Amino acid sequence: MIEKTVRGEEVVMGKAKVEEFEELRPLLFSIAYRILGSVSEAEDAVQETWLRFDGSSTRPASAKAFLSATVTRLSIDVLRSARVRREAYVGPWFPEPLLSDPYEDPARAVELADSVSMAALLLLERLSPLERAVFLLREVFAFDFQDVAEAVDRSEAACRQLLVRARRHMHEGRPRFAADRQERQELSARFFDALKDGDVSGLQDLLAADVQLVGDSGGKAPRFARAVVGAEKVARLLGSVFPTLVEVDVTCEPHEVNGQPGAIYRDRDGRILQIFALDVLDGRIQTIRAVLNPDKLAHLGPVADPWAVTREIQRVRRGPR
């Protein structure tokens, strides 16, 4: 009878452990993704965090503190090795697109939205892994300094110094996307309509004078030779290329990308060809980022063959022989 009771308690405790973890999973993923800029690596870090939590013979006083510290340390380790790979990356490197952030906190809504944008994640690349973790835990997720210190295994004083340096780097170049959601949606809808129609003049009216168009292919998809800068150049390039996509049955699906306006482009079989993410500021599009690397799109579903689509576009442009 005692044996059954003990076993029964173990089952109950085990169930509670799973439930506790699942409640915190969105937070853990959001921390890991912001540190790593990779959906797949963030998911791996969260899974390893669960294994360590489940394998622990003792229950921590605070599951949130324990799990957040574990996923942070794992992510820092992965980031350190990932940075070596990124130095050898072909062309510009962008984070893997995130279509929706699973973690919601109304009290931190602005900070969460800003911190997940492509622009903010690229700014975070300026920071050391420790600075990045401290900045995110304190500024974005509002952890107290004691929990931050435990998460990164540093003293509170050291964390305060890391935060000062991180804030300085971030605030030097961090834009704030002040346009409200409705304004952004209307602007992006006009942009993608003009893009589909090849309306160069209409596109130019929506672009900032110093707009940049940048593509991340990782050498695994056709890409722009370099960043294209200036409203006229960007409008002409986009206006000449994208109407042809319509002719080869590529469709545009407007969708928020990393909390900002964007779109998913699919081939005729519904496979993902590329993702567009827009930075909107002061009523104009400031930056257009195209993610074309199939490795960075695979977590979203079946991926198209970008080279095959490019060959088809070239045939259409040449016309019948």
Protein backbone atom coordinates (compact mmCIF):
# COMPACT_ATOMS: atom_id res chain seq x y z
CA MET A 1 0.00 0.00 0.00
CA ILE A 2 2.83 2.37 0.87
CA GLU A 3 4.62 1.38 -2.35
CA LYS A 4 1.55 2.26 -4.38
CA THR A 5 1.20 5.59 -2.61
CA VAL A 6 4.81 6.49 -3.29
CA ARG A 7 4.48 5.51 -6.90
CA GLY A 8 1.24 7.44 -7.13
CA GLU A 9 2.99 10.56 -5.82
CA GLU A 10 5.74 10.10 -8.40
CA VAL A 11 3.18 9.99 -11.20
CA VAL A 12 1.47 13.11 -9.91
CA MET A 13 4.81 14.91 -9.50
CA GLY A 14 5.89 13.83 -12.98
CA LYS A 15 2.70 15.15 -14.50
CA ALA A 16 3.07 18.44 -12.64
CA LYS A 17 6.63 18.73 -13.94
CA VAL A 18 5.50 18.35 -17.54
CA GLU A 19 2.70 20.85 -17.08
CA GLU A 20 5.05 23.32 -15.41
CA PHE A 21 7.49 23.03 -18.30
CA GLU A 22 4.82 23.36 -20.99
CA GLU A 23 3.48 26.53 -19.38
CA LEU A 24 6.96 28.04 -19.59
CA ARG A 25 7.86 26.67 -23.03
CA PRO A 26 6.77 29.84 -24.93
CA LEU A 27 9.00 31.98 -22.70
CA LEU A 28 11.94 29.57 -23.06
CA PHE A 29 11.64 29.50 -26.84
CA SER A 30 11.39 33.29 -27.01
CA ILE A 31 14.55 33.69 -24.94
CA ALA A 32 16.46 31.12 -27.01
CA TYR A 33 15.30 32.50 -30.36
CA ARG A 34 16.34 36.05 -29.50
CA ILE A 35 19.77 34.86 -28.38
CA LEU A 36 20.31 32.57 -31.38
CA GLY A 37 18.30 34.07 -34.25
CA SER A 38 17.46 30.52 -35.30
CA VAL A 39 14.15 28.73 -34.88
CA SER A 40 15.64 25.24 -35.21
CA GLU A 41 18.48 25.92 -32.76
CA ALA A 42 16.08 27.55 -30.30
CA GLU A 43 13.79 24.52 -30.42
CA ASP A 44 16.79 22.24 -29.80
CA ALA A 45 17.85 24.35 -26.80
CA VAL A 46 14.33 24.17 -25.35
CA GLN A 47 14.22 20.40 -25.81
CA GLU A 48 17.60 19.97 -24.10
CA THR A 49 16.33 22.19 -21.27
CA TRP A 50 13.40 19.83 -20.77
CA LEU A 51 15.70 16.80 -20.69
CA ARG A 52 17.80 18.39 -17.98
CA PHE A 53 14.72 19.44 -16.00
CA ASP A 54 13.15 16.00 -16.32
CA GLY A 55 16.40 14.26 -15.40
CA SER A 56 16.97 16.32 -12.27
CA SER A 57 16.39 14.41 -9.03
CA THR A 58 15.41 17.57 -7.16
CA ARG A 59 12.73 20.15 -7.81
CA PRO A 60 14.03 23.75 -7.99
CA ALA A 61 12.41 26.38 -5.79
CA SER A 62 11.49 28.29 -8.96
CA ALA A 63 10.95 26.35 -12.16
CA LYS A 64 10.94 29.59 -14.14
CA ALA A 65 14.33 30.66 -12.80
CA PHE A 66 15.85 27.20 -13.29
CA LEU A 67 14.50 26.68 -16.80
CA SER A 68 15.31 30.22 -17.95
CA ALA A 69 18.86 29.89 -16.66
CA THR A 70 19.28 26.51 -18.34
CA VAL A 71 17.99 27.59 -21.74
CA THR A 72 20.05 30.80 -21.55
CA ARG A 73 23.30 28.94 -20.83
CA LEU A 74 22.62 26.38 -23.55
CA SER A 75 21.85 29.16 -26.04
CA ILE A 76 25.02 31.07 -25.15
CA ASP A 77 27.08 27.93 -25.81
CA VAL A 78 25.39 27.36 -29.16
CA LEU A 79 25.80 31.03 -30.14
CA ARG A 80 29.54 30.94 -29.48
CA SER A 81 29.99 28.09 -31.95
CA ALA A 82 27.44 29.54 -34.39
CA ARG A 83 29.41 32.79 -34.67
CA VAL A 84 32.32 30.89 -36.21
CA ARG A 85 29.98 29.54 -38.89
CA ARG A 86 28.46 32.97 -39.50
CA GLU A 87 31.88 34.46 -40.20
CA ALA A 88 32.18 32.06 -43.16
CA TYR A 89 28.57 32.61 -44.30
CA VAL A 90 28.14 33.50 -47.97
CA GLY A 91 26.69 37.02 -48.26
CA PRO A 92 24.54 38.83 -45.67
CA TRP A 93 23.28 36.77 -42.72
CA PHE A 94 19.72 37.23 -41.44
CA PRO A 95 17.90 35.44 -38.61
CA GLU A 96 15.52 32.64 -39.52
CA PRO A 97 12.08 34.22 -40.08
CA LEU A 98 9.61 33.93 -37.24
CA LEU A 99 5.96 34.22 -38.23
CA SER A 100 4.56 34.36 -34.69
CA ASP A 101 6.11 34.71 -31.25
CA PRO A 102 4.57 32.13 -28.88
CA TYR A 103 5.27 34.23 -25.78
CA GLU A 104 2.84 37.01 -24.90
CA ASP A 105 3.07 39.46 -22.04
CA PRO A 106 0.80 42.52 -22.31
CA ALA A 107 2.97 44.42 -19.84
CA ARG A 108 6.03 43.93 -22.11
CA ALA A 109 4.28 44.01 -25.49
CA VAL A 110 6.34 46.89 -26.94
CA GLU A 111 9.67 45.49 -25.79
CA LEU A 112 8.80 42.02 -27.06
CA ALA A 113 7.71 43.30 -30.48
CA ASP A 114 10.77 45.52 -30.90
CA SER A 115 13.21 42.83 -29.80
CA VAL A 116 12.04 40.21 -32.28
CA SER A 117 12.24 42.40 -35.40
CA MET A 118 14.91 41.59 -37.97
CA ALA A 119 16.52 44.99 -37.34
CA ALA A 120 16.79 44.41 -33.59
CA LEU A 121 18.10 40.85 -33.95
CA LEU A 122 20.78 42.07 -36.33
CA LEU A 123 21.74 44.78 -33.86
CA LEU A 124 22.07 42.11 -31.18
CA GLU A 125 24.79 40.57 -33.35
CA ARG A 126 27.00 43.48 -32.24
CA LEU A 127 26.95 42.18 -28.68
CA SER A 128 29.00 39.44 -27.10
CA PRO A 129 26.96 36.35 -26.17
CA LEU A 130 26.96 37.37 -22.49
CA GLU A 131 25.95 40.97 -23.27
CA ARG A 132 23.20 39.67 -25.50
CA ALA A 133 21.79 37.35 -22.86
CA VAL A 134 21.93 39.96 -20.08
CA PHE A 135 20.31 42.62 -22.28
CA LEU A 136 17.46 40.32 -23.31
CA LEU A 137 16.74 38.91 -19.87
CA ARG A 138 16.77 42.32 -18.21
CA GLU A 139 15.46 44.74 -20.84
CA VAL A 140 13.04 42.54 -22.77
CA PHE A 141 11.87 39.91 -20.29
CA ALA A 142 12.24 42.07 -17.14
CA PHE A 143 14.13 39.53 -15.01
CA ASP A 144 15.57 40.93 -11.79
CA PHE A 145 19.35 41.16 -11.57
CA GLN A 146 19.61 38.20 -9.21
CA ASP A 147 17.95 35.89 -11.74
CA VAL A 148 19.98 37.38 -14.60
CA ALA A 149 23.19 36.78 -12.65
CA GLU A 150 22.25 33.18 -11.94
CA ALA A 151 21.32 32.61 -15.57
CA VAL A 152 24.67 33.74 -16.95
CA ASP A 153 26.75 32.61 -13.94
CA ARG A 154 28.14 36.07 -13.20
CA SER A 155 27.86 38.45 -10.25
CA GLU A 156 25.11 41.06 -10.20
CA ALA A 157 27.75 43.78 -10.45
CA ALA A 158 29.23 42.17 -13.54
CA CYS A 159 25.76 41.89 -15.09
CA ARG A 160 25.11 45.58 -14.50
CA GLN A 161 28.31 46.40 -16.38
CA LEU A 162 27.40 44.04 -19.20
CA LEU A 163 24.01 45.71 -19.44
CA VAL A 164 25.53 49.19 -19.65
CA ARG A 165 27.72 48.13 -22.58
CA ALA A 166 24.86 46.32 -24.28
CA ARG A 167 22.51 49.29 -23.97
CA ARG A 168 25.12 51.58 -25.50
CA HIS A 169 25.59 49.34 -28.54
CA MET A 170 21.87 48.80 -29.02
CA HIS A 171 20.76 52.39 -28.58
CA GLU A 172 23.36 53.67 -31.06
CA GLY A 173 21.58 52.13 -34.02
CA ARG A 174 18.22 50.86 -32.87
CA PRO A 175 15.23 52.21 -34.78
CA ARG A 176 11.80 52.20 -33.19
CA PHE A 177 8.98 51.19 -35.48
CA ALA A 178 6.53 53.81 -34.29
CA ALA A 179 3.89 53.29 -36.98
CA ASP A 180 0.78 51.63 -35.60
CA ARG A 181 -0.23 48.18 -36.83
CA GLN A 182 -3.02 49.46 -39.10
CA GLU A 183 -0.73 52.00 -40.77
CA ARG A 184 1.94 49.35 -41.35
CA GLN A 185 -0.58 46.92 -42.80
CA GLU A 186 -1.99 49.51 -45.20
CA LEU A 187 1.47 50.56 -46.37
CA SER A 188 2.64 46.99 -46.87
CA ALA A 189 -0.57 46.07 -48.76
CA ARG A 190 0.04 48.96 -51.17
CA PHE A 191 3.66 47.89 -51.54
CA PHE A 192 2.88 44.28 -52.42
CA ASP A 193 0.11 45.33 -54.83
CA ALA A 194 2.52 47.67 -56.63
CA LEU A 195 5.15 44.92 -56.63
CA LYS A 196 2.80 42.44 -58.28
CA ASP A 197 1.82 44.97 -60.95
CA GLY A 198 5.37 46.17 -61.60
CA ASP A 199 4.28 49.71 -60.76
CA VAL A 200 7.69 51.38 -60.47
CA SER A 201 6.28 54.82 -59.71
CA GLY A 202 3.92 53.43 -57.09
CA LEU A 203 6.74 51.52 -55.46
CA GLN A 204 9.01 54.54 -55.38
CA ASP A 205 6.34 56.59 -53.59
CA LEU A 206 6.34 54.06 -50.72
CA LEU A 207 10.10 53.82 -50.27
CA ALA A 208 12.39 55.99 -48.17
CA ALA A 209 14.96 57.90 -50.21
CA ASP A 210 17.80 55.76 -48.80
CA VAL A 211 15.90 52.46 -48.72
CA GLN A 212 17.98 49.29 -48.83
CA LEU A 213 17.11 45.98 -50.48
CA VAL A 214 19.20 43.11 -49.11
CA GLY A 215 18.98 39.37 -49.71
CA ASP A 216 20.16 36.39 -47.64
CA SER A 217 20.71 33.33 -49.81
CA GLY A 218 23.69 31.75 -48.07
CA GLY A 219 24.95 30.74 -51.50
CA LYS A 220 22.02 28.32 -51.83
CA ALA A 221 19.70 30.48 -53.92
CA PRO A 222 20.03 33.27 -56.49
CA ARG A 223 20.68 36.59 -54.80
CA PHE A 224 21.38 40.23 -55.50
CA ALA A 225 25.05 40.85 -56.26
CA ARG A 226 25.08 43.37 -53.41
CA ALA A 227 22.68 45.51 -51.40
CA VAL A 228 20.64 47.82 -53.62
CA VAL A 229 20.31 51.32 -52.17
CA GLY A 230 18.02 54.22 -53.13
CA ALA A 231 14.31 54.46 -53.91
CA GLU A 232 14.68 54.69 -57.68
CA LYS A 233 17.12 51.77 -58.00
CA VAL A 234 15.13 49.52 -55.68
CA ALA A 235 11.81 50.36 -57.34
CA ARG A 236 13.19 49.68 -60.82
CA LEU A 237 14.74 46.37 -59.82
CA LEU A 238 11.64 45.12 -58.04
CA GLY A 239 9.35 46.42 -60.75
CA SER A 240 11.27 44.51 -63.42
CA VAL A 241 11.51 41.18 -61.57
CA PHE A 242 8.32 40.56 -59.66
CA PRO A 243 5.68 40.75 -62.41
CA THR A 244 7.52 37.82 -64.01
CA LEU A 245 7.00 35.82 -60.83
CA VAL A 246 3.26 36.15 -61.38
CA GLU A 247 3.70 34.71 -64.88
CA VAL A 248 5.31 31.57 -63.44
CA ASP A 249 2.49 31.22 -60.89
CA VAL A 250 4.38 32.46 -57.83
CA THR A 251 1.90 33.82 -55.29
CA CYS A 252 2.31 36.40 -52.54
CA GLU A 253 0.82 35.75 -49.11
CA PRO A 254 1.03 38.85 -46.87
CA HIS A 255 2.08 37.87 -43.36
CA GLU A 256 3.77 39.44 -40.37
CA VAL A 257 7.42 38.44 -40.20
CA ASN A 258 9.24 38.96 -36.91
CA GLY A 259 6.52 41.32 -35.79
CA GLN A 260 6.81 43.56 -38.86
CA PRO A 261 5.02 43.63 -42.23
CA GLY A 262 6.12 40.99 -44.70
CA ALA A 263 5.04 38.28 -47.08
CA ILE A 264 5.59 34.64 -47.98
CA TYR A 265 6.16 33.88 -51.66
CA ARG A 266 5.14 30.39 -52.82
CA ASP A 267 5.62 28.52 -56.07
CA ARG A 268 2.72 27.00 -57.99
CA ASP A 269 2.78 23.92 -55.74
CA GLY A 270 2.50 26.00 -52.57
CA ARG A 271 6.13 25.53 -51.55
CA ILE A 272 7.93 28.46 -49.93
CA LEU A 273 10.25 30.34 -52.27
CA GLN A 274 11.24 33.31 -50.16
CA ILE A 275 10.20 35.58 -47.31
CA PHE A 276 10.08 39.37 -47.48
CA ALA A 277 10.35 41.43 -44.28
CA LEU A 278 9.85 45.20 -44.28
CA ASP A 279 11.07 47.86 -41.86
CA VAL A 280 8.58 50.74 -41.77
CA LEU A 281 9.44 54.10 -40.24
CA ASP A 282 7.99 57.60 -40.74
CA GLY A 283 5.45 56.39 -43.27
CA ARG A 284 8.03 54.86 -45.62
CA ILE A 285 9.70 51.51 -46.11
CA GLN A 286 13.26 51.82 -44.85
CA THR A 287 14.63 48.32 -45.47
CA ILE A 288 13.49 45.30 -47.46
CA ARG A 289 15.03 42.00 -46.43
CA ALA A 290 14.58 38.92 -48.58
CA VAL A 291 15.31 35.54 -47.00
CA LEU A 292 15.97 33.07 -49.82
CA ASN A 293 18.21 30.47 -48.18
CA PRO A 294 16.12 27.27 -48.20
CA ASP A 295 17.75 26.12 -44.94
CA LYS A 296 16.23 29.14 -43.18
CA LEU A 297 12.76 28.49 -44.57
CA ALA A 298 12.43 24.74 -43.93
CA HIS A 299 10.86 25.20 -40.48
CA LEU A 300 7.90 26.93 -42.16
CA GLY A 301 6.98 24.05 -44.48
CA PRO A 302 7.97 22.49 -47.81
CA VAL A 303 10.53 24.65 -49.65
CA ALA A 304 10.67 25.43 -53.38
CA ASP A 305 13.70 24.94 -55.60
CA PRO A 306 14.80 28.57 -56.13
CA TRP A 307 17.13 27.67 -59.00
CA ALA A 308 14.32 25.93 -60.89
CA VAL A 309 12.04 28.96 -60.44
CA THR A 310 14.85 31.25 -61.67
CA ARG A 311 15.36 29.12 -64.79
CA GLU A 312 11.63 29.29 -65.51
CA ILE A 313 11.68 33.07 -65.11
CA GLN A 314 14.56 33.31 -67.57
CA ARG A 315 12.65 31.20 -70.12
CA VAL A 316 9.61 33.46 -69.79
CA ARG A 317 11.75 36.56 -70.30
CA ARG A 318 13.39 35.12 -73.41
CA GLY A 319 9.97 34.37 -74.83
CA PRO A 320 9.11 31.73 -77.44
CA ARG A 321 11.93 30.82 -79.81
